[in-house]
Amino acid sequence: MNDLSGLASAMINMGEKVAPKPGEVMYGTVSGLSPMEIELDNKGGKLSEPFLVLSKLCKRFEITSVVHTHSYFDSDTGDNAGGSETRTTEQARQTTLIWPGLRVGERVILLSFSRGQRFYVDKLEKWDNEV
């Protein structure tokens, strides 16, 4: 019986050394976008999309807005005098990029949760004058 409990505690201790603890902060670099992959700095290895929860700043966000609306009537003239009129409305739309999302090579910060099986990812702000 003691052998089994010793083996169990050894396995738990080994798992704690390998797996991140919940709430552990790690850093990484985006190595792929489709599918999303992040290469970890301090633990080594890569994390793939199923294990990642991206913050809103890590996702591409764009809006489409109506820039101009134009309405006019099409009327039948000529042989169909007194014919029908059709109102036509055309809209010019413009898409504006609000946030580009992650790019390959960008630095990210990761916070482990769900017993170290999932990772919340956020952009790591640049503190120096890099462009």
N, C-alpha and C. Protein backbone atom coordinates (compact mmCIF):
# COMPACT_ATOMS: atom_id res chain seq x y z
N MET A 1 0.82 -1.20 0.00
CA MET A 1 0.00 0.00 0.00
C MET A 1 0.86 1.26 0.00
N ASN A 2 1.93 1.26 0.75
CA ASN A 2 2.82 2.42 0.78
C ASN A 2 3.48 2.65 -0.56
N ASP A 3 3.75 1.56 -1.31
CA ASP A 3 4.36 1.70 -2.62
C ASP A 3 3.44 2.47 -3.57
N LEU A 4 2.15 2.17 -3.53
CA LEU A 4 1.21 2.85 -4.40
C LEU A 4 1.07 4.33 -4.04
N SER A 5 1.01 4.64 -2.77
CA SER A 5 0.87 6.05 -2.39
C SER A 5 2.15 6.81 -2.71
N GLY A 6 3.31 6.16 -2.59
CA GLY A 6 4.58 6.78 -2.96
C GLY A 6 4.64 7.05 -4.45
N LEU A 7 4.17 6.07 -5.24
CA LEU A 7 4.13 6.23 -6.70
C LEU A 7 3.19 7.36 -7.09
N ALA A 8 2.02 7.42 -6.45
CA ALA A 8 1.05 8.47 -6.74
C ALA A 8 1.62 9.84 -6.42
N SER A 9 2.27 9.98 -5.27
CA SER A 9 2.82 11.30 -4.92
C SER A 9 3.98 11.66 -5.83
N ALA A 10 4.77 10.69 -6.28
CA ALA A 10 5.87 10.96 -7.22
C ALA A 10 5.31 11.44 -8.56
N MET A 11 4.21 10.82 -9.01
CA MET A 11 3.59 11.23 -10.27
C MET A 11 3.02 12.65 -10.16
N ILE A 12 2.43 12.95 -9.01
CA ILE A 12 1.87 14.29 -8.82
C ILE A 12 2.99 15.32 -8.81
N ASN A 13 4.08 15.03 -8.10
CA ASN A 13 5.22 15.95 -8.05
C ASN A 13 5.83 16.14 -9.43
N MET A 14 5.94 15.06 -10.22
CA MET A 14 6.51 15.17 -11.56
C MET A 14 5.60 16.01 -12.44
N GLY A 15 4.29 15.83 -12.33
CA GLY A 15 3.34 16.61 -13.11
C GLY A 15 3.39 18.08 -12.77
N GLU A 16 3.62 18.39 -11.50
CA GLU A 16 3.71 19.80 -11.10
C GLU A 16 4.93 20.47 -11.69
N LYS A 17 6.00 19.71 -11.90
CA LYS A 17 7.22 20.29 -12.45
C LYS A 17 7.09 20.53 -13.96
N VAL A 18 6.28 19.71 -14.64
CA VAL A 18 6.14 19.80 -16.09
C VAL A 18 5.00 20.73 -16.48
N ALA A 19 3.82 20.53 -15.90
CA ALA A 19 2.64 21.30 -16.28
C ALA A 19 2.61 22.64 -15.57
N PRO A 20 2.13 23.68 -16.23
CA PRO A 20 2.01 24.98 -15.56
C PRO A 20 0.92 24.92 -14.51
N LYS A 21 1.11 25.67 -13.45
CA LYS A 21 0.11 25.77 -12.39
C LYS A 21 -0.94 26.78 -12.82
N PRO A 22 -2.19 26.62 -12.36
CA PRO A 22 -3.21 27.61 -12.69
C PRO A 22 -2.76 28.99 -12.21
N GLY A 23 -2.94 29.97 -13.07
CA GLY A 23 -2.54 31.32 -12.73
C GLY A 23 -1.10 31.65 -13.05
N GLU A 24 -0.35 30.69 -13.57
CA GLU A 24 1.04 30.94 -13.91
C GLU A 24 1.12 31.82 -15.15
N VAL A 25 2.02 32.80 -15.12
CA VAL A 25 2.20 33.72 -16.24
C VAL A 25 3.38 33.23 -17.08
N MET A 26 3.16 33.17 -18.38
CA MET A 26 4.20 32.75 -19.30
C MET A 26 4.24 33.74 -20.46
N TYR A 27 5.33 33.68 -21.22
CA TYR A 27 5.49 34.56 -22.37
C TYR A 27 5.76 33.70 -23.59
N GLY A 28 5.37 34.20 -24.75
CA GLY A 28 5.59 33.45 -25.97
C GLY A 28 5.59 34.35 -27.19
N THR A 29 5.79 33.70 -28.33
CA THR A 29 5.83 34.38 -29.61
C THR A 29 4.88 33.66 -30.56
N VAL A 30 4.08 34.42 -31.29
CA VAL A 30 3.15 33.83 -32.26
C VAL A 30 3.97 33.22 -33.39
N SER A 31 3.78 31.93 -33.62
CA SER A 31 4.53 31.24 -34.68
C SER A 31 3.65 30.81 -35.84
N GLY A 32 2.33 30.88 -35.68
CA GLY A 32 1.40 30.52 -36.75
C GLY A 32 0.05 31.15 -36.51
N LEU A 33 -0.67 31.44 -37.60
CA LEU A 33 -1.98 32.08 -37.48
C LEU A 33 -3.14 31.16 -37.82
N SER A 34 -2.97 30.29 -38.76
CA SER A 34 -4.07 29.43 -39.18
C SER A 34 -3.56 28.01 -39.39
N PRO A 35 -3.59 27.18 -38.38
CA PRO A 35 -4.13 27.40 -37.04
C PRO A 35 -3.18 28.20 -36.16
N MET A 36 -3.75 28.83 -35.13
CA MET A 36 -2.97 29.64 -34.20
C MET A 36 -2.00 28.76 -33.42
N GLU A 37 -0.73 29.18 -33.39
CA GLU A 37 0.29 28.49 -32.61
C GLU A 37 1.16 29.52 -31.91
N ILE A 38 1.49 29.23 -30.66
CA ILE A 38 2.36 30.12 -29.88
C ILE A 38 3.50 29.30 -29.32
N GLU A 39 4.71 29.77 -29.57
CA GLU A 39 5.91 29.12 -29.05
C GLU A 39 6.23 29.75 -27.70
N LEU A 40 6.33 28.90 -26.67
CA LEU A 40 6.57 29.39 -25.32
C LEU A 40 8.04 29.68 -25.09
N ASP A 41 8.31 30.74 -24.31
CA ASP A 41 9.69 31.12 -24.00
C ASP A 41 10.24 30.32 -22.82
N ASN A 42 9.55 30.38 -21.69
CA ASN A 42 10.11 29.87 -20.45
C ASN A 42 9.91 28.37 -20.23
N LYS A 43 9.01 27.73 -20.93
CA LYS A 43 8.79 26.30 -20.75
C LYS A 43 9.22 25.50 -21.98
N GLY A 44 9.40 26.18 -23.09
CA GLY A 44 9.69 25.47 -24.33
C GLY A 44 8.41 24.86 -24.88
N GLY A 45 8.44 24.44 -26.11
CA GLY A 45 7.28 23.82 -26.72
C GLY A 45 6.34 24.82 -27.36
N LYS A 46 5.27 24.30 -27.95
CA LYS A 46 4.27 25.13 -28.63
C LYS A 46 2.89 24.82 -28.10
N LEU A 47 2.05 25.83 -28.12
CA LEU A 47 0.63 25.65 -27.78
C LEU A 47 -0.17 25.88 -29.05
N SER A 48 -1.17 25.03 -29.27
CA SER A 48 -2.00 25.16 -30.46
C SER A 48 -3.38 25.72 -30.10
N GLU A 49 -4.12 26.05 -31.11
CA GLU A 49 -5.40 26.76 -31.00
C GLU A 49 -6.39 26.16 -29.99
N PRO A 50 -6.57 24.84 -29.92
CA PRO A 50 -7.58 24.32 -28.98
C PRO A 50 -7.30 24.67 -27.52
N PHE A 51 -6.07 24.99 -27.17
CA PHE A 51 -5.71 25.28 -25.79
C PHE A 51 -5.69 26.79 -25.49
N LEU A 52 -5.98 27.61 -26.49
CA LEU A 52 -5.83 29.05 -26.36
C LEU A 52 -7.18 29.76 -26.33
N VAL A 53 -7.29 30.74 -25.46
CA VAL A 53 -8.44 31.64 -25.40
C VAL A 53 -7.89 33.03 -25.65
N LEU A 54 -8.24 33.61 -26.78
CA LEU A 54 -7.68 34.89 -27.20
C LEU A 54 -8.48 36.06 -26.64
N SER A 55 -7.77 37.08 -26.14
CA SER A 55 -8.45 38.30 -25.71
C SER A 55 -8.97 39.04 -26.95
N LYS A 56 -9.82 40.01 -26.74
CA LYS A 56 -10.37 40.76 -27.87
C LYS A 56 -9.29 41.48 -28.66
N LEU A 57 -8.22 41.91 -28.00
CA LEU A 57 -7.14 42.60 -28.70
C LEU A 57 -6.31 41.66 -29.57
N CYS A 58 -6.48 40.38 -29.38
CA CYS A 58 -5.74 39.39 -30.18
C CYS A 58 -6.51 38.97 -31.42
N LYS A 59 -7.76 39.40 -31.52
CA LYS A 59 -8.59 39.02 -32.66
C LYS A 59 -8.75 40.20 -33.62
N ARG A 60 -8.78 39.90 -34.89
CA ARG A 60 -8.99 40.94 -35.90
C ARG A 60 -10.40 41.49 -35.74
N PHE A 61 -10.51 42.82 -35.78
CA PHE A 61 -11.81 43.46 -35.62
C PHE A 61 -11.94 44.59 -36.64
N GLU A 62 -12.98 44.52 -37.44
CA GLU A 62 -13.24 45.56 -38.42
C GLU A 62 -14.73 45.84 -38.46
N ILE A 63 -15.07 47.07 -38.85
CA ILE A 63 -16.47 47.44 -38.96
C ILE A 63 -16.75 47.87 -40.39
N THR A 64 -17.98 47.64 -40.82
CA THR A 64 -18.43 48.08 -42.13
C THR A 64 -19.51 49.13 -41.91
N SER A 65 -19.32 50.28 -42.51
CA SER A 65 -20.28 51.36 -42.32
C SER A 65 -20.76 51.86 -43.68
N VAL A 66 -21.95 52.45 -43.67
CA VAL A 66 -22.51 53.04 -44.88
C VAL A 66 -21.94 54.45 -44.99
N VAL A 67 -21.26 54.71 -46.08
CA VAL A 67 -20.64 56.01 -46.29
C VAL A 67 -21.59 56.96 -47.00
N HIS A 68 -22.35 56.43 -47.95
CA HIS A 68 -23.25 57.26 -48.75
C HIS A 68 -24.43 56.43 -49.20
N THR A 69 -25.61 57.01 -49.16
CA THR A 69 -26.81 56.37 -49.67
C THR A 69 -27.41 57.25 -50.76
N HIS A 70 -27.78 56.63 -51.86
CA HIS A 70 -28.34 57.37 -52.98
C HIS A 70 -29.61 56.66 -53.42
N SER A 71 -30.69 57.39 -53.51
CA SER A 71 -31.96 56.83 -53.98
C SER A 71 -32.41 57.56 -55.24
N TYR A 72 -32.97 56.81 -56.14
CA TYR A 72 -33.51 57.42 -57.35
C TYR A 72 -34.65 56.55 -57.87
N PHE A 73 -35.45 57.15 -58.76
CA PHE A 73 -36.59 56.44 -59.33
C PHE A 73 -36.29 56.06 -60.77
N ASP A 74 -36.56 54.84 -61.11
CA ASP A 74 -36.50 54.38 -62.50
C ASP A 74 -37.92 54.44 -63.03
N SER A 75 -38.13 55.15 -64.12
CA SER A 75 -39.48 55.20 -64.66
C SER A 75 -39.45 54.74 -66.11
N ASP A 76 -40.53 54.10 -66.47
CA ASP A 76 -40.68 53.67 -67.87
C ASP A 76 -41.21 54.85 -68.67
N THR A 77 -40.53 55.19 -69.72
CA THR A 77 -40.99 56.26 -70.61
C THR A 77 -41.03 55.71 -72.02
N GLY A 78 -41.49 56.50 -72.91
CA GLY A 78 -41.55 56.06 -74.31
C GLY A 78 -42.84 55.34 -74.57
N ASP A 79 -42.78 54.09 -75.00
CA ASP A 79 -43.97 53.33 -75.36
C ASP A 79 -44.88 53.09 -74.16
N ASN A 80 -44.30 53.04 -72.98
CA ASN A 80 -45.09 52.76 -71.77
C ASN A 80 -45.41 54.06 -71.02
N ALA A 81 -45.96 55.01 -71.71
CA ALA A 81 -46.29 56.28 -71.05
C ALA A 81 -47.25 56.00 -69.90
N GLY A 82 -46.95 56.61 -68.74
CA GLY A 82 -47.78 56.35 -67.57
C GLY A 82 -47.46 55.01 -66.95
N GLY A 83 -46.31 54.47 -67.28
CA GLY A 83 -45.91 53.16 -66.75
C GLY A 83 -45.51 53.22 -65.28
N SER A 84 -44.91 52.19 -64.82
CA SER A 84 -44.57 52.09 -63.40
C SER A 84 -43.23 52.75 -63.09
N GLU A 85 -43.09 53.14 -61.82
CA GLU A 85 -41.82 53.68 -61.34
C GLU A 85 -41.26 52.72 -60.29
N THR A 86 -39.95 52.57 -60.31
CA THR A 86 -39.29 51.71 -59.34
C THR A 86 -38.27 52.54 -58.58
N ARG A 87 -38.34 52.49 -57.27
CA ARG A 87 -37.37 53.22 -56.46
C ARG A 87 -36.15 52.31 -56.24
N THR A 88 -34.98 52.84 -56.51
CA THR A 88 -33.74 52.09 -56.33
C THR A 88 -32.87 52.83 -55.31
N THR A 89 -32.35 52.08 -54.37
CA THR A 89 -31.46 52.66 -53.36
C THR A 89 -30.12 51.94 -53.43
N GLU A 90 -29.06 52.71 -53.55
CA GLU A 90 -27.72 52.14 -53.56
C GLU A 90 -26.95 52.70 -52.38
N GLN A 91 -26.16 51.85 -51.77
CA GLN A 91 -25.35 52.27 -50.63
C GLN A 91 -23.88 52.00 -50.91
N ALA A 92 -23.06 52.97 -50.59
CA ALA A 92 -21.61 52.78 -50.66
C ALA A 92 -21.15 52.40 -49.26
N ARG A 93 -20.47 51.28 -49.15
CA ARG A 93 -20.00 50.79 -47.85
C ARG A 93 -18.49 50.86 -47.79
N GLN A 94 -18.01 51.08 -46.58
CA GLN A 94 -16.57 51.13 -46.37
C GLN A 94 -16.24 50.27 -45.15
N THR A 95 -15.22 49.44 -45.27
CA THR A 95 -14.76 48.62 -44.16
C THR A 95 -13.53 49.28 -43.54
N THR A 96 -13.58 49.44 -42.22
CA THR A 96 -12.49 50.08 -41.50
C THR A 96 -11.90 49.08 -40.51
N LEU A 97 -10.59 48.90 -40.56
CA LEU A 97 -9.89 48.01 -39.64
C LEU A 97 -9.70 48.75 -38.32
N ILE A 98 -10.24 48.19 -37.24
CA ILE A 98 -10.13 48.79 -35.93
C ILE A 98 -8.90 48.22 -35.21
N TRP A 99 -8.73 46.91 -35.25
CA TRP A 99 -7.61 46.25 -34.59
C TRP A 99 -7.15 45.10 -35.47
N PRO A 100 -5.85 45.00 -35.78
CA PRO A 100 -5.39 43.99 -36.73
C PRO A 100 -5.31 42.57 -36.19
N GLY A 101 -5.37 42.38 -34.90
CA GLY A 101 -5.21 41.05 -34.34
C GLY A 101 -3.74 40.67 -34.25
N LEU A 102 -3.49 39.42 -33.98
CA LEU A 102 -2.11 38.96 -33.83
C LEU A 102 -1.44 38.75 -35.18
N ARG A 103 -0.14 38.91 -35.20
CA ARG A 103 0.68 38.64 -36.39
C ARG A 103 1.80 37.71 -36.00
N VAL A 104 2.31 36.98 -36.97
CA VAL A 104 3.44 36.08 -36.71
C VAL A 104 4.62 36.91 -36.23
N GLY A 105 5.26 36.44 -35.17
CA GLY A 105 6.41 37.12 -34.61
C GLY A 105 6.08 38.04 -33.44
N GLU A 106 4.79 38.31 -33.20
CA GLU A 106 4.41 39.19 -32.09
C GLU A 106 4.56 38.47 -30.77
N ARG A 107 4.91 39.24 -29.74
CA ARG A 107 5.06 38.72 -28.39
C ARG A 107 3.71 38.74 -27.68
N VAL A 108 3.44 37.69 -26.90
CA VAL A 108 2.20 37.60 -26.16
C VAL A 108 2.49 37.18 -24.72
N ILE A 109 1.53 37.46 -23.85
CA ILE A 109 1.59 37.00 -22.48
C ILE A 109 0.45 36.01 -22.30
N LEU A 110 0.72 34.92 -21.59
CA LEU A 110 -0.27 33.86 -21.40
C LEU A 110 -0.50 33.63 -19.92
N LEU A 111 -1.74 33.43 -19.54
CA LEU A 111 -2.11 33.12 -18.17
C LEU A 111 -2.80 31.77 -18.19
N SER A 112 -2.22 30.80 -17.47
CA SER A 112 -2.80 29.45 -17.49
C SER A 112 -4.00 29.38 -16.55
N PHE A 113 -4.99 28.59 -16.93
CA PHE A 113 -6.15 28.34 -16.09
C PHE A 113 -6.67 26.95 -16.43
N SER A 114 -7.74 26.55 -15.78
CA SER A 114 -8.34 25.22 -16.00
C SER A 114 -7.29 24.12 -15.78
N ARG A 115 -6.66 24.19 -14.59
CA ARG A 115 -5.63 23.22 -14.19
C ARG A 115 -4.45 23.20 -15.16
N GLY A 116 -4.16 24.34 -15.74
CA GLY A 116 -3.02 24.44 -16.64
C GLY A 116 -3.25 23.86 -18.01
N GLN A 117 -4.52 23.58 -18.35
CA GLN A 117 -4.83 22.98 -19.65
C GLN A 117 -5.25 24.01 -20.69
N ARG A 118 -5.61 25.22 -20.26
CA ARG A 118 -6.02 26.28 -21.17
C ARG A 118 -5.21 27.52 -20.85
N PHE A 119 -5.11 28.43 -21.83
CA PHE A 119 -4.28 29.61 -21.67
C PHE A 119 -4.99 30.83 -22.23
N TYR A 120 -5.11 31.87 -21.40
CA TYR A 120 -5.66 33.14 -21.84
C TYR A 120 -4.51 33.93 -22.45
N VAL A 121 -4.69 34.39 -23.68
CA VAL A 121 -3.62 35.06 -24.42
C VAL A 121 -3.95 36.54 -24.60
N ASP A 122 -2.97 37.38 -24.33
CA ASP A 122 -3.13 38.81 -24.55
C ASP A 122 -1.86 39.35 -25.20
N LYS A 123 -2.02 40.46 -25.93
CA LYS A 123 -0.86 41.08 -26.58
C LYS A 123 0.07 41.63 -25.52
N LEU A 124 1.35 41.52 -25.78
CA LEU A 124 2.35 42.09 -24.90
C LEU A 124 2.73 43.44 -25.48
N GLU A 125 2.40 44.49 -24.75
CA GLU A 125 2.66 45.84 -25.24
C GLU A 125 4.15 46.08 -25.36
N LYS A 126 4.52 46.88 -26.34
CA LYS A 126 5.92 47.25 -26.53
C LYS A 126 6.23 48.41 -25.60
N TRP A 127 7.27 48.26 -24.80
CA TRP A 127 7.62 49.30 -23.85
C TRP A 127 8.71 50.22 -24.38
N ASP A 128 9.34 49.83 -25.47
CA ASP A 128 10.37 50.70 -26.03
C ASP A 128 9.83 51.35 -27.30
N ASN A 129 10.66 51.96 -28.07
CA ASN A 129 10.21 52.72 -29.24
C ASN A 129 10.19 51.89 -30.52
N GLU A 130 10.03 50.59 -30.41
CA GLU A 130 9.97 49.74 -31.62
C GLU A 130 8.72 50.07 -32.41
N VAL A 131 8.83 49.95 -33.72
CA VAL A 131 7.67 50.19 -34.58
C VAL A 131 7.33 48.91 -35.30
